[in-house]
C-alpha atoms as a PDB file:
ATOM      1  CA  MET A   1      -0.089  -0.175  -0.023  1.00  0.00           C
ATOM      2  CA  ALA A   2       2.823   2.489   0.917  1.00  0.00           C
ATOM      3  CA  PHE A   3       4.759   1.732  -2.209  1.00  0.00           C
ATOM      4  CA  ALA A   4       1.446   2.352  -4.459  1.00  0.00           C
ATOM      5  CA  LEU A   5       0.846   5.624  -2.391  1.00  0.00           C
ATOM      6  CA  ALA A   6       4.246   6.878  -3.033  1.00  0.00           C
ATOM      7  CA  LEU A   7       4.522   5.464  -6.653  1.00  0.00           C
ATOM      8  CA  GLY A   8       1.313   7.521  -7.369  1.00  0.00           C
ATOM      9  CA  ALA A   9       2.175  10.535  -5.870  1.00  0.00           C
ATOM     10  CA  PHE A  10       5.753  10.210  -8.015  1.00  0.00           C
ATOM     11  CA  LEU A  11       3.792   9.809 -10.791  1.00  0.00           C
ATOM     12  CA  ALA A  12       1.259  12.808 -10.214  1.00  0.00           C
ATOM     13  CA  GLU A  13       4.391  15.075  -9.821  1.00  0.00           C
ATOM     14  CA  ALA A  14       5.733  13.869 -12.890  1.00  0.00           C
ATOM     15  CA  VAL A  15       2.506  14.429 -14.871  1.00  0.00           C
ATOM     16  CA  VAL A  16       2.524  17.847 -13.386  1.00  0.00           C
ATOM     17  CA  ILE A  17       6.242  18.593 -14.498  1.00  0.00           C
ATOM     18  CA  SER A  18       5.516  17.007 -17.762  1.00  0.00           C
ATOM     19  CA  LEU A  19       2.361  18.912 -18.626  1.00  0.00           C
ATOM     20  CA  SER A  20       4.379  22.355 -17.513  1.00  0.00           C
ATOM     21  CA  GLY A  21       6.720  21.766 -20.496  1.00  0.00           C
ATOM     22  CA  VAL A  22       4.152  20.458 -22.833  1.00  0.00           C
ATOM     23  CA  MET A  23       1.673  23.069 -22.829  1.00  0.00           C
ATOM     24  CA  ALA A  24       4.296  25.784 -23.015  1.00  0.00           C
ATOM     25  CA  PRO A  25       3.959  27.131 -26.495  1.00  0.00           C
ATOM     26  CA  GLY A  26       6.601  26.614 -28.834  1.00  0.00           C
ATOM     27  CA  PRO A  27       7.415  24.699 -32.307  1.00  0.00           C
ATOM     28  CA  ILE A  28       5.740  21.379 -31.717  1.00  0.00           C
ATOM     29  CA  THR A  29       2.707  23.320 -30.334  1.00  0.00           C
ATOM     30  CA  ALA A  30       2.492  25.744 -33.393  1.00  0.00           C
ATOM     31  CA  VAL A  31       2.835  22.714 -35.893  1.00  0.00           C
ATOM     32  CA  ALA A  32       0.168  20.805 -34.035  1.00  0.00           C
ATOM     33  CA  VAL A  33      -1.888  23.803 -34.557  1.00  0.00           C
ATOM     34  CA  GLY A  34      -0.779  24.606 -37.895  1.00  0.00           C
ATOM     35  CA  GLN A  35      -1.513  20.981 -39.219  1.00  0.00           C
ATOM     36  CA  GLY A  36      -4.507  20.747 -37.341  1.00  0.00           C
ATOM     37  CA  GLY A  37      -6.215  23.320 -39.729  1.00  0.00           C
ATOM     38  CA  ARG A  38      -6.095  20.698 -41.867  1.00  0.00           C
ATOM     39  CA  SER A  39      -6.615  17.567 -40.023  1.00  0.00           C
ATOM     40  CA  PRO A  40      -8.014  16.895 -36.440  1.00  0.00           C
ATOM     41  CA  ARG A  41      -5.501  13.963 -36.056  1.00  0.00           C
ATOM     42  CA  ALA A  42      -2.404  15.867 -36.854  1.00  0.00           C
ATOM     43  CA  GLY A  43      -1.679  16.249 -33.360  1.00  0.00           C
ATOM     44  CA  ILE A  44      -1.679  12.393 -33.189  1.00  0.00           C
ATOM     45  CA  TRP A  45       0.971  12.209 -35.582  1.00  0.00           C
ATOM     46  CA  VAL A  46       2.801  14.915 -34.232  1.00  0.00           C
ATOM     47  CA  ALA A  47       3.086  13.301 -30.689  1.00  0.00           C
ATOM     48  CA  ILE A  48       3.972   9.915 -32.511  1.00  0.00           C
ATOM     49  CA  GLY A  49       6.758  11.653 -34.655  1.00  0.00           C
ATOM     50  CA  HIS A  50       7.908  13.165 -30.871  1.00  0.00           C
ATOM     51  CA  GLY A  51       7.822   9.772 -29.489  1.00  0.00           C
ATOM     52  CA  ILE A  52       9.992   8.337 -32.242  1.00  0.00           C
ATOM     53  CA  VAL A  53      12.683  10.441 -31.038  1.00  0.00           C
ATOM     54  CA  GLU A  54      11.752  10.418 -27.382  1.00  0.00           C
ATOM     55  CA  LEU A  55      11.374   7.264 -26.518  1.00  0.00           C
ATOM     56  CA  PRO A  56      14.879   5.854 -27.296  1.00  0.00           C
ATOM     57  CA  LEU A  57      16.319   8.853 -25.921  1.00  0.00           C
ATOM     58  CA  THR A  58      14.485   8.030 -22.449  1.00  0.00           C
ATOM     59  CA  VAL A  59      15.594   4.378 -22.574  1.00  0.00           C
ATOM     60  CA  GLY A  60      19.183   5.630 -22.911  1.00  0.00           C
ATOM     61  CA  VAL A  61      19.033   8.416 -20.076  1.00  0.00           C
ATOM     62  CA  TYR A  62      17.360   5.345 -17.920  1.00  0.00           C
ATOM     63  CA  LEU A  63      20.058   3.257 -18.408  1.00  0.00           C
ATOM     64  CA  GLY A  64      22.978   5.537 -18.104  1.00  0.00           C
ATOM     65  CA  VAL A  65      21.210   7.168 -14.869  1.00  0.00           C
ATOM     66  CA  ALA A  66      20.878   3.403 -13.366  1.00  0.00           C
ATOM     67  CA  ARG A  67      24.371   2.780 -13.825  1.00  0.00           C
ATOM     68  CA  LEU A  68      25.372   5.897 -12.194  1.00  0.00           C
ATOM     69  CA  LEU A  69      23.226   6.117  -9.167  1.00  0.00           C
ATOM     70  CA  GLY A  70      25.812   4.045  -7.241  1.00  0.00           C
ATOM     71  CA  LEU A  71      28.564   6.642  -7.437  1.00  0.00           C
ATOM     72  CA  PRO A  72      28.979   9.205  -4.711  1.00  0.00           C
ATOM     73  CA  TYR A  73      27.139  12.609  -5.238  1.00  0.00           C
ATOM     74  CA  VAL A  74      25.329  11.403  -8.621  1.00  0.00           C
ATOM     75  CA  ARG A  75      21.809  11.429  -7.305  1.00  0.00           C
ATOM     76  CA  PRO A  76      21.839  15.009  -5.877  1.00  0.00           C
ATOM     77  CA  SER A  77      23.930  16.440  -8.714  1.00  0.00           C
ATOM     78  CA  ILE A  78      21.245  15.401 -11.089  1.00  0.00           C
ATOM     79  CA  ALA A  79      18.710  16.720  -8.645  1.00  0.00           C
ATOM     80  CA  LEU A  80      20.312  20.281  -8.498  1.00  0.00           C
ATOM     81  CA  ALA A  81      20.839  20.484 -12.346  1.00  0.00           C
ATOM     82  CA  GLY A  82      16.861  19.274 -12.983  1.00  0.00           C
ATOM     83  CA  GLY A  83      15.956  21.999 -10.404  1.00  0.00           C
ATOM     84  CA  ALA A  84      18.006  24.575 -11.728  1.00  0.00           C
ATOM     85  CA  VAL A  85      16.770  24.220 -15.313  1.00  0.00           C
ATOM     86  CA  LEU A  86      13.155  23.849 -13.827  1.00  0.00           C
ATOM     87  CA  LEU A  87      13.456  27.165 -12.206  1.00  0.00           C
ATOM     88  CA  TRP A  88      15.143  28.622 -15.390  1.00  0.00           C
ATOM     89  CA  MET A  89      12.274  27.695 -17.557  1.00  0.00           C
ATOM     90  CA  GLY A  90       9.516  28.622 -15.000  1.00  0.00           C
ATOM     91  CA  LEU A  91      10.876  32.310 -14.683  1.00  0.00           C
ATOM     92  CA  GLY A  92      11.349  32.263 -18.466  1.00  0.00           C
ATOM     93  CA  MET A  93       7.690  31.509 -18.936  1.00  0.00           C
ATOM     94  CA  LEU A  94       6.701  33.993 -16.256  1.00  0.00           C
ATOM     95  CA  ARG A  95       9.065  36.699 -17.953  1.00  0.00           C
ATOM     96  CA  ALA A  96       7.071  35.671 -21.332  1.00  0.00           C
ATOM     97  CA  LEU A  97       3.739  36.919 -19.909  1.00  0.00           C
ATOM     98  CA  LYS A  98       4.515  40.223 -21.611  1.00  0.00           C
ATOM     99  CA  GLN A  99       5.474  38.766 -25.060  1.00  0.00           C
ATOM    100  CA  GLY A 100       3.296  38.291 -27.889  1.00  0.00           C
ATOM    101  CA  ALA A 101       1.181  35.548 -28.619  1.00  0.00           C
ATOM    102  CA  VAL A 102       2.926  32.315 -30.869  1.00  0.00           C
ATOM    103  CA  VAL A 103       2.161  32.281 -34.137  1.00  0.00           C
ATOM    104  CA  ALA A 104       0.925  28.873 -35.376  1.00  0.00           C
ATOM    105  CA  GLN A 105       2.344  28.197 -38.469  1.00  0.00           C
ATOM    106  CA  SER A 106       1.567  25.514 -41.300  1.00  0.00           C
ATOM    107  CA  GLU A 107       4.289  23.346 -42.241  1.00  0.00           C
ATOM    108  CA  SER A 108       4.887  21.627 -45.819  1.00  0.00           C
ATOM    109  CA  ARG A 109       6.019  18.436 -44.340  1.00  0.00           C
ATOM    110  CA  SER A 110       3.803  15.716 -42.901  1.00  0.00           C
ATOM    111  CA  PRO A 111       3.108  16.277 -39.143  1.00  0.00           C
ATOM    112  CA  LEU A 112       5.035  12.813 -38.294  1.00  0.00           C
ATOM    113  CA  VAL A 113       8.081  14.161 -40.037  1.00  0.00           C
ATOM    114  CA  ALA A 114       7.413  17.485 -38.290  1.00  0.00           C
ATOM    115  CA  GLY A 115       7.361  15.820 -34.788  1.00  0.00           C
ATOM    116  CA  ILE A 116      10.719  13.969 -35.435  1.00  0.00           C
ATOM    117  CA  VAL A 117      12.582  16.983 -36.978  1.00  0.00           C
ATOM    118  CA  LEU A 118      11.616  19.363 -34.642  1.00  0.00           C
ATOM    119  CA  SER A 119      12.507  17.064 -31.669  1.00  0.00           C
ATOM    120  CA  LEU A 120      15.744  16.232 -33.204  1.00  0.00           C
ATOM    121  CA  GLY A 121      16.654  20.017 -33.906  1.00  0.00           C
ATOM    122  CA  SER A 122      15.528  21.258 -30.501  1.00  0.00           C
ATOM    123  CA  PRO A 123      18.602  21.986 -27.926  1.00  0.00           C
ATOM    124  CA  TYR A 124      15.575  22.751 -25.348  1.00  0.00           C
ATOM    125  CA  PHE A 125      14.862  19.127 -25.535  1.00  0.00           C
ATOM    126  CA  LEU A 126      17.651  17.744 -25.181  1.00  0.00           C
ATOM    127  CA  ILE A 127      18.540  19.809 -22.415  1.00  0.00           C
ATOM    128  CA  TRP A 128      15.492  18.864 -20.393  1.00  0.00           C
ATOM    129  CA  TRP A 129      16.052  15.227 -20.758  1.00  0.00           C
ATOM    130  CA  ALA A 130      19.769  15.749 -19.526  1.00  0.00           C
ATOM    131  CA  THR A 131      18.522  17.703 -16.477  1.00  0.00           C
ATOM    132  CA  VAL A 132      15.036  17.394 -15.645  1.00  0.00           C
ATOM    133  CA  GLY A 133      14.145  14.170 -17.330  1.00  0.00           C
ATOM    134  CA  ALA A 134      17.494  12.544 -15.781  1.00  0.00           C
ATOM    135  CA  ALA A 135      16.149  13.912 -12.415  1.00  0.00           C
ATOM    136  CA  LEU A 136      12.732  12.402 -12.797  1.00  0.00           C
ATOM    137  CA  ILE A 137      14.321   8.862 -14.216  1.00  0.00           C
ATOM    138  CA  ALA A 138      16.433   9.024 -11.069  1.00  0.00           C
ATOM    139  CA  ARG A 139      13.472   9.190  -8.879  1.00  0.00           C
ATOM    140  CA  SER A 140      11.640   6.449 -10.827  1.00  0.00           C
ATOM    141  CA  THR A 141      14.360   3.897 -10.446  1.00  0.00           C
ATOM    142  CA  GLU A 142      13.133   3.955  -6.789  1.00  0.00           C
ATOM    143  CA  PHE A 143      10.068   2.087  -7.813  1.00  0.00           C
ATOM    144  CA  GLY A 144      12.046  -0.393 -10.039  1.00  0.00           C
ATOM    145  CA  VAL A 145      11.453  -0.922 -14.056  1.00  0.00           C
ATOM    146  CA  ILE A 146       7.834  -0.185 -13.422  1.00  0.00           C
ATOM    147  CA  GLY A 147       8.326   3.270 -11.945  1.00  0.00           C
ATOM    148  CA  PHE A 148      10.520   4.157 -15.080  1.00  0.00           C
ATOM    149  CA  VAL A 149       7.803   2.414 -17.522  1.00  0.00           C
ATOM    150  CA  LEU A 150       4.814   4.101 -16.065  1.00  0.00           C
ATOM    151  CA  PHE A 151       6.735   7.516 -15.845  1.00  0.00           C
ATOM    152  CA  ALA A 152       7.669   7.276 -19.786  1.00  0.00           C
ATOM    153  CA  LEU A 153       4.280   6.510 -20.823  1.00  0.00           C
ATOM    154  CA  LEU A 154       2.464   9.035 -19.067  1.00  0.00           C
ATOM    155  CA  HIS A 155       5.192  11.907 -20.049  1.00  0.00           C
ATOM    156  CA  TRP A 156       4.371  10.753 -23.773  1.00  0.00           C
ATOM    157  CA  LEU A 157       1.114  10.615 -23.285  1.00  0.00           C
ATOM    158  CA  CYS A 158       0.903  14.305 -21.996  1.00  0.00           C
ATOM    159  CA  ASP A 159       2.190  14.978 -25.343  1.00  0.00           C
ATOM    160  CA  LEU A 160      -0.040  13.041 -27.407  1.00  0.00           C
ATOM    161  CA  VAL A 161      -3.445  14.258 -25.519  1.00  0.00           C
ATOM    162  CA  TRP A 162      -2.508  18.191 -25.588  1.00  0.00           C
ATOM    163  CA  ASP A 163      -1.263  17.941 -28.943  1.00  0.00           C
ATOM    164  CA  THR A 164      -4.718  16.088 -30.011  1.00  0.00           C
ATOM    165  CA  ILE A 165      -6.617  18.768 -28.061  1.00  0.00           C
ATOM    166  CA  LEU A 166      -4.946  21.714 -30.121  1.00  0.00           C
ATOM    167  CA  SER A 167      -5.128  20.318 -33.592  1.00  0.00           C
ATOM    168  CA  VAL A 168      -9.024  19.061 -33.031  1.00  0.00           C
ATOM    169  CA  LEU A 169      -9.581  22.609 -31.861  1.00  0.00           C
ATOM    170  CA  ALA A 170      -8.002  24.053 -34.687  1.00  0.00           C
ATOM    171  CA  TYR A 171      -9.554  21.770 -37.116  1.00  0.00           C
ATOM    172  CA  ARG A 172     -12.894  23.235 -35.701  1.00  0.00           C
ATOM    173  CA  GLY A 173     -11.893  26.785 -36.240  1.00  0.00           C
ATOM    174  CA  GLY A 174     -10.980  28.033 -32.529  1.00  0.00           C
ATOM    175  CA  ARG A 175      -8.613  30.829 -31.788  1.00  0.00           C
ATOM    176  CA  PHE A 176      -5.191  29.772 -29.782  1.00  0.00           C
ATOM    177  CA  PHE A 177      -2.659  31.624 -27.915  1.00  0.00           C
ATOM    178  CA  GLY A 178      -4.701  34.834 -27.283  1.00  0.00           C
ATOM    179  CA  LYS A 179      -3.405  37.036 -24.595  1.00  0.00           C
ATOM    180  CA  ARG A 180      -5.796  35.661 -21.743  1.00  0.00           C
ATOM    181  CA  PHE A 181      -5.148  32.421 -22.473  1.00  0.00           C
ATOM    182  CA  GLN A 182      -1.301  32.422 -22.916  1.00  0.00           C
ATOM    183  CA  VAL A 183      -1.351  34.615 -19.611  1.00  0.00           C
ATOM    184  CA  ALA A 184      -3.329  31.528 -17.845  1.00  0.00           C
ATOM    185  CA  VAL A 185      -1.172  28.829 -19.171  1.00  0.00           C
ATOM    186  CA  PHE A 186       2.329  30.797 -18.643  1.00  0.00           C
ATOM    187  CA  ALA A 187       1.142  31.483 -14.989  1.00  0.00           C
ATOM    188  CA  VAL A 188       0.332  28.448 -14.089  1.00  0.00           C
ATOM    189  CA  CYS A 189       2.764  26.334 -15.629  1.00  0.00           C
ATOM    190  CA  GLY A 190       5.695  28.748 -14.534  1.00  0.00           C
ATOM    191  CA  GLY A 191       4.478  28.636 -11.145  1.00  0.00           C
ATOM    192  CA  ALA A 192       4.268  24.901 -11.265  1.00  0.00           C
ATOM    193  CA  LEU A 193       8.276  24.751 -12.742  1.00  0.00           C
ATOM    194  CA  LEU A 194       9.140  27.059 -10.114  1.00  0.00           C
ATOM    195  CA  PHE A 195       7.756  25.232  -7.079  1.00  0.00           C
ATOM    196  CA  PHE A 196       8.780  21.697  -8.532  1.00  0.00           C
ATOM    197  CA  GLY A 197      12.092  23.400  -9.398  1.00  0.00           C
ATOM    198  CA  GLY A 198      12.739  24.427  -5.998  1.00  0.00           C
ATOM    199  CA  ARG A 199      11.939  21.110  -4.372  1.00  0.00           C
ATOM    200  CA  LEU A 200      14.365  19.293  -6.597  1.00  0.00           C
ATOM    201  CA  LEU A 201      17.121  21.888  -5.298  1.00  0.00           C
ATOM    202  CA  VAL A 202      16.381  21.320  -1.984  1.00  0.00           C
ATOM    203  CA  GLU A 203      16.488  17.582  -2.132  1.00  0.00           C
ATOM    204  CA  GLY A 204      19.732  17.952  -3.956  1.00  0.00           C
ATOM    205  CA  ALA A 205      21.062  20.293  -1.249  1.00  0.00           C
ATOM    206  CA  ARG A 206      20.081  18.243   1.644  1.00  0.00           C
ATOM    207  CA  GLU A 207      21.772  14.755   0.105  1.00  0.00           C
ATOM    208  CA  LEU A 208      24.828  16.921  -0.378  1.00  0.00           C
ATOM    209  CA  GLY A 209      24.540  17.981   3.538  1.00  0.00           C
ATOM    210  CA  VAL A 210      24.433  21.842   2.446  1.00  0.00           C
ATOM    211  CA  LEU A 211      20.784  21.979   4.306  1.00  0.00           C
END
């Protein structure tokens, strides 16, 4: 029972962190909206393309993290790096509240290819997995392989659900990322990232004996 509760709490936190990153307007979001104007299923293919790149990367990070966690200072160092990046992301999103809305552009390439190309070409994507993602994977190892599998699945489902919602609404002619919507999304996601970033920093500092 205690194991299930702890695993559930971790997965809930992981979903919030994942959604905060997924819902932030960016290239993949713009493509999901732009392609959605032509097909309500475009977001599904964008998410699949993203997953084609993300899945092997996630497994690679998991294998590397699992081997390194036995070394001194590795776990707290990963936590500190992940916390710092979350804080950076959160502050960036809050600063972006005063910026203009993201413009959704239609791409000539297929949504599947767009999901692959944008993922491969995004330094933010790699930085996230090398820091925040690695920190979450390190925590997932506390629950064994099942913890990692559930985390990886839920993380990708966050992409799938959000991109699908965007493409369906775009197909129906909805308006996206107007000022009020953008402010609300950035404020909620930015606050969540600051909270979890601070939490990771505290946990890392405690493991190092600083606090």
